[in-house]
Amino acid sequence: MGCSRRLTLRGKEVSELTEVYPLFLDLAADGIIIYDPSNFARDYLEKIKKEIEKVGLIRYRTSSGYYGWKTKRPLKIGERIVIEIE
């Protein structure tokens, strides 16, 4: 019996985790923490989840099975959504 999922491990310094990249949104939604003895990852992903709610992002699934993020309200021309965690 084989494994049908790929696993990617990437290390980040704490100082690199202030700006939230789209990948981090997906990790907050779907990520499974394998090892986190200090609860840093758990707490970090919880902060991202709160920010997702605060800025009004909604996750959607495309007809081809991929996921994306959109806002609950229309954006103004040139408006950007930036999520930063302290």
PDB file of N, CA and C in Angstrom:
ATOM      1  N   MET A   1       0.849  -1.177   0.000  1.00  0.00           N
ATOM      2  CA  MET A   1       0.000   0.000   0.000  1.00  0.00           C
ATOM      3  C   MET A   1       0.894   1.239   0.000  1.00  0.00           C
ATOM      4  N   GLY A   2       0.671   2.154  -0.933  1.00  0.00           N
ATOM      5  CA  GLY A   2       1.486   3.361  -1.048  1.00  0.00           C
ATOM      6  C   GLY A   2       0.761   4.580  -0.518  1.00  0.00           C
ATOM      7  N   CYS A   3       1.468   5.654  -0.477  1.00  0.00           N
ATOM      8  CA  CYS A   3       0.919   6.927  -0.020  1.00  0.00           C
ATOM      9  C   CYS A   3       0.469   7.729  -1.239  1.00  0.00           C
ATOM     10  N   SER A   4      -0.737   8.238  -1.208  1.00  0.00           N
ATOM     11  CA  SER A   4      -1.265   8.963  -2.356  1.00  0.00           C
ATOM     12  C   SER A   4      -1.108  10.479  -2.222  1.00  0.00           C
ATOM     13  N   ARG A   5      -0.449  10.950  -1.190  1.00  0.00           N
ATOM     14  CA  ARG A   5      -0.251  12.393  -0.986  1.00  0.00           C
ATOM     15  C   ARG A   5       1.232  12.703  -0.877  1.00  0.00           C
ATOM     16  N   ARG A   6       1.569  13.870  -1.364  1.00  0.00           N
ATOM     17  CA  ARG A   6       2.950  14.328  -1.237  1.00  0.00           C
ATOM     18  C   ARG A   6       3.082  15.137   0.049  1.00  0.00           C
ATOM     19  N   LEU A   7       4.225  15.080   0.649  1.00  0.00           N
ATOM     20  CA  LEU A   7       4.500  15.811   1.874  1.00  0.00           C
ATOM     21  C   LEU A   7       5.692  16.714   1.622  1.00  0.00           C
ATOM     22  N   THR A   8       5.537  17.991   1.908  1.00  0.00           N
ATOM     23  CA  THR A   8       6.617  18.953   1.748  1.00  0.00           C
ATOM     24  C   THR A   8       6.911  19.574   3.097  1.00  0.00           C
ATOM     25  N   LEU A   9       8.161  19.553   3.488  1.00  0.00           N
ATOM     26  CA  LEU A   9       8.580  20.177   4.738  1.00  0.00           C
ATOM     27  C   LEU A   9       9.452  21.375   4.392  1.00  0.00           C
ATOM     28  N   ARG A  10       9.114  22.513   4.966  1.00  0.00           N
ATOM     29  CA  ARG A  10       9.883  23.728   4.724  1.00  0.00           C
ATOM     30  C   ARG A  10      10.082  24.431   6.048  1.00  0.00           C
ATOM     31  N   GLY A  11      11.273  24.876   6.274  1.00  0.00           N
ATOM     32  CA  GLY A  11      11.566  25.603   7.499  1.00  0.00           C
ATOM     33  C   GLY A  11      11.475  27.097   7.279  1.00  0.00           C
ATOM     34  N   LYS A  12      10.978  27.808   8.254  1.00  0.00           N
ATOM     35  CA  LYS A  12      10.897  29.268   8.222  1.00  0.00           C
ATOM     36  C   LYS A  12      11.400  29.800   9.548  1.00  0.00           C
ATOM     37  N   GLU A  13      12.065  30.932   9.491  1.00  0.00           N
ATOM     38  CA  GLU A  13      12.455  31.631  10.702  1.00  0.00           C
ATOM     39  C   GLU A  13      11.239  32.411  11.205  1.00  0.00           C
ATOM     40  N   VAL A  14      11.133  32.596  12.496  1.00  0.00           N
ATOM     41  CA  VAL A  14      10.006  33.329  13.070  1.00  0.00           C
ATOM     42  C   VAL A  14       9.919  34.724  12.455  1.00  0.00           C
ATOM     43  N   SER A  15      11.054  35.346  12.202  1.00  0.00           N
ATOM     44  CA  SER A  15      11.067  36.691  11.629  1.00  0.00           C
ATOM     45  C   SER A  15      10.468  36.743  10.229  1.00  0.00           C
ATOM     46  N   GLU A  16      10.393  35.604   9.542  1.00  0.00           N
ATOM     47  CA  GLU A  16       9.832  35.543   8.192  1.00  0.00           C
ATOM     48  C   GLU A  16       8.308  35.408   8.198  1.00  0.00           C
ATOM     49  N   LEU A  17       7.723  35.256   9.340  1.00  0.00           N
ATOM     50  CA  LEU A  17       6.302  34.934   9.424  1.00  0.00           C
ATOM     51  C   LEU A  17       5.414  36.132   9.745  1.00  0.00           C
ATOM     52  N   THR A  18       5.860  37.351   9.423  1.00  0.00           N
ATOM     53  CA  THR A  18       5.022  38.520   9.677  1.00  0.00           C
ATOM     54  C   THR A  18       4.065  38.766   8.519  1.00  0.00           C
ATOM     55  N   GLU A  19       4.534  38.619   7.289  1.00  0.00           N
ATOM     56  CA  GLU A  19       3.668  38.773   6.122  1.00  0.00           C
ATOM     57  C   GLU A  19       3.046  37.423   5.795  1.00  0.00           C
ATOM     58  N   VAL A  20       1.749  37.429   5.597  1.00  0.00           N
ATOM     59  CA  VAL A  20       1.023  36.181   5.349  1.00  0.00           C
ATOM     60  C   VAL A  20       0.860  35.985   3.844  1.00  0.00           C
ATOM     61  N   TYR A  21       1.468  34.946   3.319  1.00  0.00           N
ATOM     62  CA  TYR A  21       1.385  34.621   1.903  1.00  0.00           C
ATOM     63  C   TYR A  21       0.153  33.748   1.645  1.00  0.00           C
ATOM     64  N   PRO A  22      -0.340  33.706   0.404  1.00  0.00           N
ATOM     65  CA  PRO A  22      -1.519  32.880   0.112  1.00  0.00           C
ATOM     66  C   PRO A  22      -1.389  31.429   0.575  1.00  0.00           C
ATOM     67  N   LEU A  23      -0.202  30.868   0.481  1.00  0.00           N
ATOM     68  CA  LEU A  23      -0.001  29.501   0.959  1.00  0.00           C
ATOM     69  C   LEU A  23      -0.376  29.370   2.429  1.00  0.00           C
ATOM     70  N   PHE A  24      -0.068  30.403   3.230  1.00  0.00           N
ATOM     71  CA  PHE A  24      -0.365  30.346   4.656  1.00  0.00           C
ATOM     72  C   PHE A  24      -1.866  30.329   4.910  1.00  0.00           C
ATOM     73  N   LEU A  25      -2.641  30.980   4.020  1.00  0.00           N
ATOM     74  CA  LEU A  25      -4.100  30.936   4.156  1.00  0.00           C
ATOM     75  C   LEU A  25      -4.582  29.500   4.002  1.00  0.00           C
ATOM     76  N   ASP A  26      -4.023  28.812   3.001  1.00  0.00           N
ATOM     77  CA  ASP A  26      -4.396  27.413   2.783  1.00  0.00           C
ATOM     78  C   ASP A  26      -3.943  26.531   3.939  1.00  0.00           C
ATOM     79  N   LEU A  27      -2.763  26.815   4.486  1.00  0.00           N
ATOM     80  CA  LEU A  27      -2.305  26.045   5.644  1.00  0.00           C
ATOM     81  C   LEU A  27      -3.234  26.243   6.833  1.00  0.00           C
ATOM     82  N   ALA A  28      -3.702  27.470   7.032  1.00  0.00           N
ATOM     83  CA  ALA A  28      -4.633  27.732   8.140  1.00  0.00           C
ATOM     84  C   ALA A  28      -5.946  26.988   7.927  1.00  0.00           C
ATOM     85  N   ALA A  29      -6.368  26.863   6.673  1.00  0.00           N
ATOM     86  CA  ALA A  29      -7.632  26.187   6.378  1.00  0.00           C
ATOM     87  C   ALA A  29      -7.504  24.670   6.407  1.00  0.00           C
ATOM     88  N   ASP A  30      -6.395  24.123   5.893  1.00  0.00           N
ATOM     89  CA  ASP A  30      -6.270  22.675   5.690  1.00  0.00           C
ATOM     90  C   ASP A  30      -5.093  22.010   6.384  1.00  0.00           C
ATOM     91  N   GLY A  31      -4.160  22.812   6.868  1.00  0.00           N
ATOM     92  CA  GLY A  31      -2.912  22.247   7.372  1.00  0.00           C
ATOM     93  C   GLY A  31      -3.098  21.322   8.557  1.00  0.00           C
ATOM     94  N   ILE A  32      -2.275  20.319   8.595  1.00  0.00           N
ATOM     95  CA  ILE A  32      -2.261  19.391   9.724  1.00  0.00           C
ATOM     96  C   ILE A  32      -0.889  19.505  10.375  1.00  0.00           C
ATOM     97  N   ILE A  33      -0.866  19.914  11.611  1.00  0.00           N
ATOM     98  CA  ILE A  33       0.387  20.084  12.336  1.00  0.00           C
ATOM     99  C   ILE A  33       0.830  18.722  12.840  1.00  0.00           C
ATOM    100  N   ILE A  34       2.012  18.329  12.437  1.00  0.00           N
ATOM    101  CA  ILE A  34       2.529  17.012  12.817  1.00  0.00           C
ATOM    102  C   ILE A  34       3.277  17.082  14.148  1.00  0.00           C
ATOM    103  N   TYR A  35       4.077  18.131  14.328  1.00  0.00           N
ATOM    104  CA  TYR A  35       4.869  18.234  15.554  1.00  0.00           C
ATOM    105  C   TYR A  35       5.000  19.708  15.907  1.00  0.00           C
ATOM    106  N   ASP A  36       4.535  20.086  17.073  1.00  0.00           N
ATOM    107  CA  ASP A  36       4.553  21.488  17.498  1.00  0.00           C
ATOM    108  C   ASP A  36       4.557  21.543  19.021  1.00  0.00           C
ATOM    109  N   PRO A  37       5.661  21.131  19.647  1.00  0.00           N
ATOM    110  CA  PRO A  37       5.667  21.018  21.108  1.00  0.00           C
ATOM    111  C   PRO A  37       5.433  22.344  21.838  1.00  0.00           C
ATOM    112  N   SER A  38       5.778  23.472  21.219  1.00  0.00           N
ATOM    113  CA  SER A  38       5.580  24.764  21.881  1.00  0.00           C
ATOM    114  C   SER A  38       4.267  25.439  21.484  1.00  0.00           C
ATOM    115  N   ASN A  39       3.489  24.789  20.606  1.00  0.00           N
ATOM    116  CA  ASN A  39       2.210  25.324  20.100  1.00  0.00           C
ATOM    117  C   ASN A  39       2.380  26.589  19.266  1.00  0.00           C
ATOM    118  N   PHE A  40       3.588  26.852  18.776  1.00  0.00           N
ATOM    119  CA  PHE A  40       3.821  28.035  17.957  1.00  0.00           C
ATOM    120  C   PHE A  40       2.996  27.978  16.671  1.00  0.00           C
ATOM    121  N   ALA A  41       3.059  26.861  15.955  1.00  0.00           N
ATOM    122  CA  ALA A  41       2.330  26.734  14.684  1.00  0.00           C
ATOM    123  C   ALA A  41       0.830  26.827  14.917  1.00  0.00           C
ATOM    124  N   ARG A  42       0.344  26.172  15.946  1.00  0.00           N
ATOM    125  CA  ARG A  42      -1.083  26.226  16.249  1.00  0.00           C
ATOM    126  C   ARG A  42      -1.537  27.660  16.482  1.00  0.00           C
ATOM    127  N   ASP A  43      -0.793  28.393  17.306  1.00  0.00           N
ATOM    128  CA  ASP A  43      -1.145  29.768  17.624  1.00  0.00           C
ATOM    129  C   ASP A  43      -1.044  30.667  16.392  1.00  0.00           C
ATOM    130  N   TYR A  44      -0.010  30.460  15.582  1.00  0.00           N
ATOM    131  CA  TYR A  44       0.189  31.258  14.369  1.00  0.00           C
ATOM    132  C   TYR A  44      -0.967  31.043  13.390  1.00  0.00           C
ATOM    133  N   LEU A  45      -1.346  29.804  13.165  1.00  0.00           N
ATOM    134  CA  LEU A  45      -2.440  29.516  12.234  1.00  0.00           C
ATOM    135  C   LEU A  45      -3.775  30.029  12.768  1.00  0.00           C
ATOM    136  N   GLU A  46      -3.954  30.033  14.082  1.00  0.00           N
ATOM    137  CA  GLU A  46      -5.165  30.601  14.672  1.00  0.00           C
ATOM    138  C   GLU A  46      -5.233  32.103  14.427  1.00  0.00           C
ATOM    139  N   LYS A  47      -4.092  32.781  14.530  1.00  0.00           N
ATOM    140  CA  LYS A  47      -4.060  34.214  14.244  1.00  0.00           C
ATOM    141  C   LYS A  47      -4.443  34.479  12.786  1.00  0.00           C
ATOM    142  N   ILE A  48      -3.960  33.644  11.894  1.00  0.00           N
ATOM    143  CA  ILE A  48      -4.296  33.797  10.476  1.00  0.00           C
ATOM    144  C   ILE A  48      -5.792  33.588  10.272  1.00  0.00           C
ATOM    145  N   LYS A  49      -6.361  32.587  10.907  1.00  0.00           N
ATOM    146  CA  LYS A  49      -7.805  32.345  10.785  1.00  0.00           C
ATOM    147  C   LYS A  49      -8.612  33.552  11.249  1.00  0.00           C
ATOM    148  N   LYS A  50      -8.187  34.175  12.340  1.00  0.00           N
ATOM    149  CA  LYS A  50      -8.883  35.365  12.840  1.00  0.00           C
ATOM    150  C   LYS A  50      -8.771  36.518  11.851  1.00  0.00           C
ATOM    151  N   GLU A  51      -7.595  36.673  11.237  1.00  0.00           N
ATOM    152  CA  GLU A  51      -7.399  37.737  10.253  1.00  0.00           C
ATOM    153  C   GLU A  51      -8.213  37.476   8.985  1.00  0.00           C
ATOM    154  N   ILE A  52      -8.320  36.221   8.588  1.00  0.00           N
ATOM    155  CA  ILE A  52      -9.144  35.861   7.427  1.00  0.00           C
ATOM    156  C   ILE A  52     -10.578  36.330   7.662  1.00  0.00           C
ATOM    157  N   GLU A  53     -11.079  36.071   8.847  1.00  0.00           N
ATOM    158  CA  GLU A  53     -12.440  36.495   9.197  1.00  0.00           C
ATOM    159  C   GLU A  53     -12.525  38.016   9.261  1.00  0.00           C
ATOM    160  N   LYS A  54     -11.525  38.642   9.867  1.00  0.00           N
ATOM    161  CA  LYS A  54     -11.523  40.095  10.057  1.00  0.00           C
ATOM    162  C   LYS A  54     -11.551  40.852   8.724  1.00  0.00           C
ATOM    163  N   VAL A  55     -10.748  40.417   7.755  1.00  0.00           N
ATOM    164  CA  VAL A  55     -10.703  41.118   6.462  1.00  0.00           C
ATOM    165  C   VAL A  55     -11.787  40.642   5.509  1.00  0.00           C
ATOM    166  N   GLY A  56     -12.514  39.603   5.882  1.00  0.00           N
ATOM    167  CA  GLY A  56     -13.648  39.165   5.087  1.00  0.00           C
ATOM    168  C   GLY A  56     -13.294  38.312   3.879  1.00  0.00           C
ATOM    169  N   LEU A  57     -12.358  37.384   4.045  1.00  0.00           N
ATOM    170  CA  LEU A  57     -12.017  36.476   2.950  1.00  0.00           C
ATOM    171  C   LEU A  57     -12.887  35.226   3.001  1.00  0.00           C
ATOM    172  N   ILE A  58     -13.201  34.725   1.821  1.00  0.00           N
ATOM    173  CA  ILE A  58     -13.988  33.505   1.681  1.00  0.00           C
ATOM    174  C   ILE A  58     -13.212  32.558   0.785  1.00  0.00           C
ATOM    175  N   ARG A  59     -13.140  31.319   1.173  1.00  0.00           N
ATOM    176  CA  ARG A  59     -12.475  30.310   0.354  1.00  0.00           C
ATOM    177  C   ARG A  59     -13.499  29.673  -0.570  1.00  0.00           C
ATOM    178  N   TYR A  60     -13.110  29.478  -1.816  1.00  0.00           N
ATOM    179  CA  TYR A  60     -14.018  28.857  -2.778  1.00  0.00           C
ATOM    180  C   TYR A  60     -13.287  27.759  -3.534  1.00  0.00           C
ATOM    181  N   ARG A  61     -14.057  26.869  -4.110  1.00  0.00           N
ATOM    182  CA  ARG A  61     -13.505  25.760  -4.895  1.00  0.00           C
ATOM    183  C   ARG A  61     -13.920  25.934  -6.349  1.00  0.00           C
ATOM    184  N   THR A  62     -12.958  25.775  -7.245  1.00  0.00           N
ATOM    185  CA  THR A  62     -13.249  25.920  -8.664  1.00  0.00           C
ATOM    186  C   THR A  62     -13.851  24.632  -9.201  1.00  0.00           C
ATOM    187  N   SER A  63     -14.384  24.712 -10.401  1.00  0.00           N
ATOM    188  CA  SER A  63     -14.980  23.522 -11.014  1.00  0.00           C
ATOM    189  C   SER A  63     -13.936  22.443 -11.291  1.00  0.00           C
ATOM    190  N   SER A  64     -12.665  22.844 -11.380  1.00  0.00           N
ATOM    191  CA  SER A  64     -11.605  21.859 -11.606  1.00  0.00           C
ATOM    192  C   SER A  64     -11.030  21.306 -10.304  1.00  0.00           C
ATOM    193  N   GLY A  65     -11.594  21.709  -9.167  1.00  0.00           N
ATOM    194  CA  GLY A  65     -11.179  21.143  -7.890  1.00  0.00           C
ATOM    195  C   GLY A  65     -10.129  21.933  -7.134  1.00  0.00           C
ATOM    196  N   TYR A  66      -9.673  23.049  -7.685  1.00  0.00           N
ATOM    197  CA  TYR A  66      -8.692  23.888  -6.996  1.00  0.00           C
ATOM    198  C   TYR A  66      -9.410  24.857  -6.066  1.00  0.00           C
ATOM    199  N   TYR A  67      -8.652  25.475  -5.177  1.00  0.00           N
ATOM    200  CA  TYR A  67      -9.226  26.427  -4.240  1.00  0.00           C
ATOM    201  C   TYR A  67      -8.651  27.814  -4.477  1.00  0.00           C
ATOM    202  N   GLY A  68      -9.428  28.814  -4.107  1.00  0.00           N
ATOM    203  CA  GLY A  68      -8.987  30.197  -4.187  1.00  0.00           C
ATOM    204  C   GLY A  68      -9.615  30.988  -3.057  1.00  0.00           C
ATOM    205  N   TRP A  69      -9.258  32.254  -2.976  1.00  0.00           N
ATOM    206  CA  TRP A  69      -9.784  33.138  -1.944  1.00  0.00           C
ATOM    207  C   TRP A  69     -10.362  34.383  -2.603  1.00  0.00           C
ATOM    208  N   LYS A  70     -11.465  34.866  -2.074  1.00  0.00           N
ATOM    209  CA  LYS A  70     -12.054  36.106  -2.549  1.00  0.00           C
ATOM    210  C   LYS A  70     -12.606  36.855  -1.342  1.00  0.00           C
ATOM    211  N   THR A  71     -12.949  38.115  -1.569  1.00  0.00           N
ATOM    212  CA  THR A  71     -13.485  38.926  -0.481  1.00  0.00           C
ATOM    213  C   THR A  71     -15.009  38.848  -0.464  1.00  0.00           C
ATOM    214  N   LYS A  72     -15.573  39.084   0.703  1.00  0.00           N
ATOM    215  CA  LYS A  72     -17.029  39.086   0.844  1.00  0.00           C
ATOM    216  C   LYS A  72     -17.643  40.296   0.131  1.00  0.00           C
ATOM    217  N   ARG A  73     -16.848  41.348  -0.022  1.00  0.00           N
ATOM    218  CA  ARG A  73     -17.325  42.562  -0.669  1.00  0.00           C
ATOM    219  C   ARG A  73     -16.468  42.851  -1.905  1.00  0.00           C
ATOM    220  N   PRO A  74     -17.000  43.591  -2.859  1.00  0.00           N
ATOM    221  CA  PRO A  74     -16.196  43.944  -4.030  1.00  0.00           C
ATOM    222  C   PRO A  74     -15.034  44.855  -3.634  1.00  0.00           C
ATOM    223  N   LEU A  75     -13.891  44.658  -4.244  1.00  0.00           N
ATOM    224  CA  LEU A  75     -12.738  45.516  -3.988  1.00  0.00           C
ATOM    225  C   LEU A  75     -12.792  46.734  -4.895  1.00  0.00           C
ATOM    226  N   LYS A  76     -12.254  47.853  -4.410  1.00  0.00           N
ATOM    227  CA  LYS A  76     -12.116  49.044  -5.224  1.00  0.00           C
ATOM    228  C   LYS A  76     -10.908  48.847  -6.137  1.00  0.00           C
ATOM    229  N   ILE A  77     -10.880  49.544  -7.244  1.00  0.00           N
ATOM    230  CA  ILE A  77      -9.757  49.437  -8.176  1.00  0.00           C
ATOM    231  C   ILE A  77      -8.474  49.800  -7.440  1.00  0.00           C
ATOM    232  N   GLY A  78      -7.491  48.918  -7.525  1.00  0.00           N
ATOM    233  CA  GLY A  78      -6.202  49.129  -6.886  1.00  0.00           C
ATOM    234  C   GLY A  78      -6.138  48.739  -5.423  1.00  0.00           C
ATOM    235  N   GLU A  79      -7.256  48.382  -4.833  1.00  0.00           N
ATOM    236  CA  GLU A  79      -7.267  47.994  -3.417  1.00  0.00           C
ATOM    237  C   GLU A  79      -6.609  46.645  -3.245  1.00  0.00           C
ATOM    238  N   ARG A  80      -5.828  46.519  -2.198  1.00  0.00           N
ATOM    239  CA  ARG A  80      -5.151  45.263  -1.872  1.00  0.00           C
ATOM    240  C   ARG A  80      -5.559  44.807  -0.480  1.00  0.00           C
ATOM    241  N   ILE A  81      -5.617  43.523  -0.316  1.00  0.00           N
ATOM    242  CA  ILE A  81      -5.841  42.946   1.009  1.00  0.00           C
ATOM    243  C   ILE A  81      -4.481  42.447   1.499  1.00  0.00           C
ATOM    244  N   VAL A  82      -4.039  42.984   2.615  1.00  0.00           N
ATOM    245  CA  VAL A  82      -2.754  42.589   3.186  1.00  0.00           C
ATOM    246  C   VAL A  82      -3.022  42.084   4.596  1.00  0.00           C
ATOM    247  N   ILE A  83      -2.522  40.910   4.875  1.00  0.00           N
ATOM    248  CA  ILE A  83      -2.638  40.345   6.222  1.00  0.00           C
ATOM    249  C   ILE A  83      -1.232  40.238   6.779  1.00  0.00           C
ATOM    250  N   GLU A  84      -1.034  40.869   7.934  1.00  0.00           N
ATOM    251  CA  GLU A  84       0.253  40.784   8.611  1.00  0.00           C
ATOM    252  C   GLU A  84       0.003  40.329  10.046  1.00  0.00           C
ATOM    253  N   ILE A  85       0.877  39.494  10.523  1.00  0.00           N
ATOM    254  CA  ILE A  85       0.784  38.958  11.875  1.00  0.00           C
ATOM    255  C   ILE A  85       1.987  39.475  12.670  1.00  0.00           C
ATOM    256  N   GLU A  86       1.727  39.970  13.844  1.00  0.00           N
ATOM    257  CA  GLU A  86       2.833  40.454  14.692  1.00  0.00           C
ATOM    258  C   GLU A  86       3.354  39.354  15.568  1.00  0.00           C
TER     259      GLU A  86
END
